[in-house]
Amino acid sequence: MNEVLSFDDEAQAYEEIEAMGYHAMAFDFPAEENELHWHEVDSVLYVTGGELTVWVDGEDDSVTCQRGAKIIATAGTVHREQTPGYSAIIGFSVAPESLTQSINKPLPVSL
């Protein structure tokens, strides 16, 4: 997570994602708390419902986002998330079908 901005509605989210040349997908995420991880692509996340708290590795404070929050994330940013459940429209910098599984990449294991 590199920047948290705001947006007005879903139509704006889709318009901005298209203007960026990104690929939009809508998701509903269940309650979850995950470990530190990273993603291999740039993305932008528009929270359309619920709540999401994000901690970025190396930063002191977390950020809690609700409907109307727009999160711009650069590939490789190490972070973790906690949510009681939320909905979002996510714009991926590459076609979603080209993403490798798992989307959440674990940190390397130290020997």
C-alpha atoms as a PDB file:
ATOM      1  CA  MET A   1       0.000   0.000   0.000  1.00  0.00           C
ATOM      2  CA  ASN A   2       1.619   3.172  -1.102  1.00  0.00           C
ATOM      3  CA  GLU A   3      -1.250   5.636  -0.949  1.00  0.00           C
ATOM      4  CA  VAL A   4      -4.827   5.812   0.336  1.00  0.00           C
ATOM      5  CA  LEU A   5      -7.195   8.164  -1.494  1.00  0.00           C
ATOM      6  CA  SER A   6     -10.977   8.261  -1.892  1.00  0.00           C
ATOM      7  CA  PHE A   7     -13.624   7.726  -4.558  1.00  0.00           C
ATOM      8  CA  ASP A   8     -17.344   8.437  -4.842  1.00  0.00           C
ATOM      9  CA  ASP A   9     -18.994   5.371  -6.370  1.00  0.00           C
ATOM     10  CA  GLU A  10     -18.477   2.134  -8.279  1.00  0.00           C
ATOM     11  CA  ALA A  11     -18.860   3.836 -11.661  1.00  0.00           C
ATOM     12  CA  GLN A  12     -15.923   6.091 -10.834  1.00  0.00           C
ATOM     13  CA  ALA A  13     -13.874   3.062  -9.750  1.00  0.00           C
ATOM     14  CA  TYR A  14     -14.467   1.263 -13.054  1.00  0.00           C
ATOM     15  CA  GLU A  15     -13.772   4.441 -15.076  1.00  0.00           C
ATOM     16  CA  GLU A  16     -10.481   5.079 -13.280  1.00  0.00           C
ATOM     17  CA  ILE A  17      -9.362   1.462 -13.625  1.00  0.00           C
ATOM     18  CA  GLU A  18     -10.115   1.518 -17.357  1.00  0.00           C
ATOM     19  CA  ALA A  19      -8.290   4.851 -17.773  1.00  0.00           C
ATOM     20  CA  MET A  20      -5.220   3.328 -16.094  1.00  0.00           C
ATOM     21  CA  GLY A  21      -5.283   0.438 -18.563  1.00  0.00           C
ATOM     22  CA  TYR A  22      -5.845  -1.975 -15.668  1.00  0.00           C
ATOM     23  CA  HIS A  23      -8.221  -4.960 -15.515  1.00  0.00           C
ATOM     24  CA  ALA A  24     -11.182  -4.639 -13.102  1.00  0.00           C
ATOM     25  CA  MET A  25     -12.736  -7.385 -11.019  1.00  0.00           C
ATOM     26  CA  ALA A  26     -15.255  -7.221  -8.159  1.00  0.00           C
ATOM     27  CA  PHE A  27     -14.665  -9.370  -5.065  1.00  0.00           C
ATOM     28  CA  ASP A  28     -16.336 -10.176  -1.742  1.00  0.00           C
ATOM     29  CA  PHE A  29     -13.779 -11.156   0.906  1.00  0.00           C
ATOM     30  CA  PRO A  30     -14.706 -13.109   4.055  1.00  0.00           C
ATOM     31  CA  ALA A  31     -13.406 -12.365   7.536  1.00  0.00           C
ATOM     32  CA  GLU A  32      -9.652 -12.947   7.548  1.00  0.00           C
ATOM     33  CA  GLU A  33      -6.372 -12.021   9.172  1.00  0.00           C
ATOM     34  CA  ASN A  34      -3.322 -12.945   7.143  1.00  0.00           C
ATOM     35  CA  GLU A  35       0.448 -12.991   7.559  1.00  0.00           C
ATOM     36  CA  LEU A  36       2.956 -10.651   5.926  1.00  0.00           C
ATOM     37  CA  HIS A  37       2.927 -11.176   2.161  1.00  0.00           C
ATOM     38  CA  TRP A  38       3.392  -9.326  -1.137  1.00  0.00           C
ATOM     39  CA  HIS A  39       1.851  -9.250  -4.625  1.00  0.00           C
ATOM     40  CA  GLU A  40       3.655  -9.579  -7.955  1.00  0.00           C
ATOM     41  CA  VAL A  41       1.643  -6.863  -9.756  1.00  0.00           C
ATOM     42  CA  ASP A  42       0.655  -3.257  -9.257  1.00  0.00           C
ATOM     43  CA  SER A  43      -2.980  -2.831  -8.271  1.00  0.00           C
ATOM     44  CA  VAL A  44      -5.588  -0.362  -7.114  1.00  0.00           C
ATOM     45  CA  LEU A  45      -8.295  -1.415  -4.661  1.00  0.00           C
ATOM     46  CA  TYR A  46     -11.617   0.406  -4.216  1.00  0.00           C
ATOM     47  CA  VAL A  47     -13.394  -0.608  -0.983  1.00  0.00           C
ATOM     48  CA  THR A  48     -17.121  -0.765  -1.760  1.00  0.00           C
ATOM     49  CA  GLY A  49     -18.341  -2.187   1.557  1.00  0.00           C
ATOM     50  CA  GLY A  50     -17.170  -3.442   4.940  1.00  0.00           C
ATOM     51  CA  GLU A  51     -13.814  -2.655   6.489  1.00  0.00           C
ATOM     52  CA  LEU A  52     -10.173  -3.531   5.828  1.00  0.00           C
ATOM     53  CA  THR A  53      -7.160  -2.775   8.026  1.00  0.00           C
ATOM     54  CA  VAL A  54      -3.717  -2.882   6.409  1.00  0.00           C
ATOM     55  CA  TRP A  55      -0.273  -2.903   8.008  1.00  0.00           C
ATOM     56  CA  VAL A  56       2.729  -2.176   5.787  1.00  0.00           C
ATOM     57  CA  ASP A  57       6.029  -3.700   6.894  1.00  0.00           C
ATOM     58  CA  GLY A  58       8.319  -1.017   8.276  1.00  0.00           C
ATOM     59  CA  GLU A  59       5.544   1.499   9.026  1.00  0.00           C
ATOM     60  CA  ASP A  60       4.447   2.214  12.590  1.00  0.00           C
ATOM     61  CA  ASP A  61       0.711   2.627  12.063  1.00  0.00           C
ATOM     62  CA  SER A  62      -1.981   0.617  10.333  1.00  0.00           C
ATOM     63  CA  VAL A  63      -4.637   2.122   8.055  1.00  0.00           C
ATOM     64  CA  THR A  64      -8.302   1.155   8.359  1.00  0.00           C
ATOM     65  CA  CYS A  65     -10.329   1.630   5.186  1.00  0.00           C
ATOM     66  CA  GLN A  66     -14.089   1.593   4.649  1.00  0.00           C
ATOM     67  CA  ARG A  67     -16.410   2.237   1.714  1.00  0.00           C
ATOM     68  CA  GLY A  68     -14.972   5.018  -0.428  1.00  0.00           C
ATOM     69  CA  ALA A  69     -11.295   4.263   0.276  1.00  0.00           C
ATOM     70  CA  LYS A  70      -9.014   3.785  -2.713  1.00  0.00           C
ATOM     71  CA  ILE A  71      -5.719   1.993  -2.055  1.00  0.00           C
ATOM     72  CA  ILE A  72      -2.910   2.279  -4.595  1.00  0.00           C
ATOM     73  CA  ALA A  73      -0.460  -0.604  -4.156  1.00  0.00           C
ATOM     74  CA  THR A  74       2.874  -1.146  -5.858  1.00  0.00           C
ATOM     75  CA  ALA A  75       4.063  -4.671  -6.623  1.00  0.00           C
ATOM     76  CA  GLY A  76       6.385  -6.047  -3.962  1.00  0.00           C
ATOM     77  CA  THR A  77       5.014  -3.999  -1.036  1.00  0.00           C
ATOM     78  CA  VAL A  78       5.167  -6.266   2.030  1.00  0.00           C
ATOM     79  CA  HIS A  79       1.981  -5.982   4.092  1.00  0.00           C
ATOM     80  CA  ARG A  80      -0.708  -7.870   6.012  1.00  0.00           C
ATOM     81  CA  GLU A  81      -4.453  -7.406   6.326  1.00  0.00           C
ATOM     82  CA  GLN A  82      -7.270  -7.957   8.792  1.00  0.00           C
ATOM     83  CA  THR A  83     -10.973  -7.715   7.961  1.00  0.00           C
ATOM     84  CA  PRO A  84     -14.359  -8.756   9.354  1.00  0.00           C
ATOM     85  CA  GLY A  85     -15.275  -8.987   5.646  1.00  0.00           C
ATOM     86  CA  TYR A  86     -15.318  -6.449   2.849  1.00  0.00           C
ATOM     87  CA  SER A  87     -16.219  -5.910  -0.807  1.00  0.00           C
ATOM     88  CA  ALA A  88     -13.950  -4.288  -3.349  1.00  0.00           C
ATOM     89  CA  ILE A  89     -13.338  -3.565  -6.997  1.00  0.00           C
ATOM     90  CA  ILE A  90      -9.704  -4.293  -7.760  1.00  0.00           C
ATOM     91  CA  GLY A  91      -7.789  -3.121 -10.811  1.00  0.00           C
ATOM     92  CA  PHE A  92      -4.825  -5.317 -11.750  1.00  0.00           C
ATOM     93  CA  SER A  93      -1.967  -4.066 -13.931  1.00  0.00           C
ATOM     94  CA  VAL A  94      -2.042  -7.403 -15.806  1.00  0.00           C
ATOM     95  CA  ALA A  95      -4.907  -9.610 -16.961  1.00  0.00           C
ATOM     96  CA  PRO A  96      -6.146 -11.590 -13.923  1.00  0.00           C
ATOM     97  CA  GLU A  97      -5.894 -14.900 -15.790  1.00  0.00           C
ATOM     98  CA  SER A  98      -2.137 -14.360 -16.135  1.00  0.00           C
ATOM     99  CA  LEU A  99      -1.604 -14.097 -12.368  1.00  0.00           C
ATOM    100  CA  THR A 100       0.163 -16.984 -10.707  1.00  0.00           C
ATOM    101  CA  GLN A 101      -1.352 -18.685  -7.703  1.00  0.00           C
ATOM    102  CA  SER A 102      -1.343 -17.792  -4.904  1.00  0.00           C
ATOM    103  CA  ILE A 103      -1.981 -14.072  -5.302  1.00  0.00           C
ATOM    104  CA  ASN A 104      -0.568 -13.534  -1.782  1.00  0.00           C
ATOM    105  CA  LYS A 105       3.123 -14.364  -2.083  1.00  0.00           C
ATOM    106  CA  PRO A 106       4.735 -15.491   1.206  1.00  0.00           C
ATOM    107  CA  LEU A 107       7.971 -13.995   2.429  1.00  0.00           C
ATOM    108  CA  PRO A 108      11.077 -16.118   1.859  1.00  0.00           C
ATOM    109  CA  VAL A 109      11.877 -18.528   4.681  1.00  0.00           C
ATOM    110  CA  SER A 110      15.079 -17.615   6.548  1.00  0.00           C
ATOM    111  CA  LEU A 111      17.528 -20.465   7.045  1.00  0.00           C
END
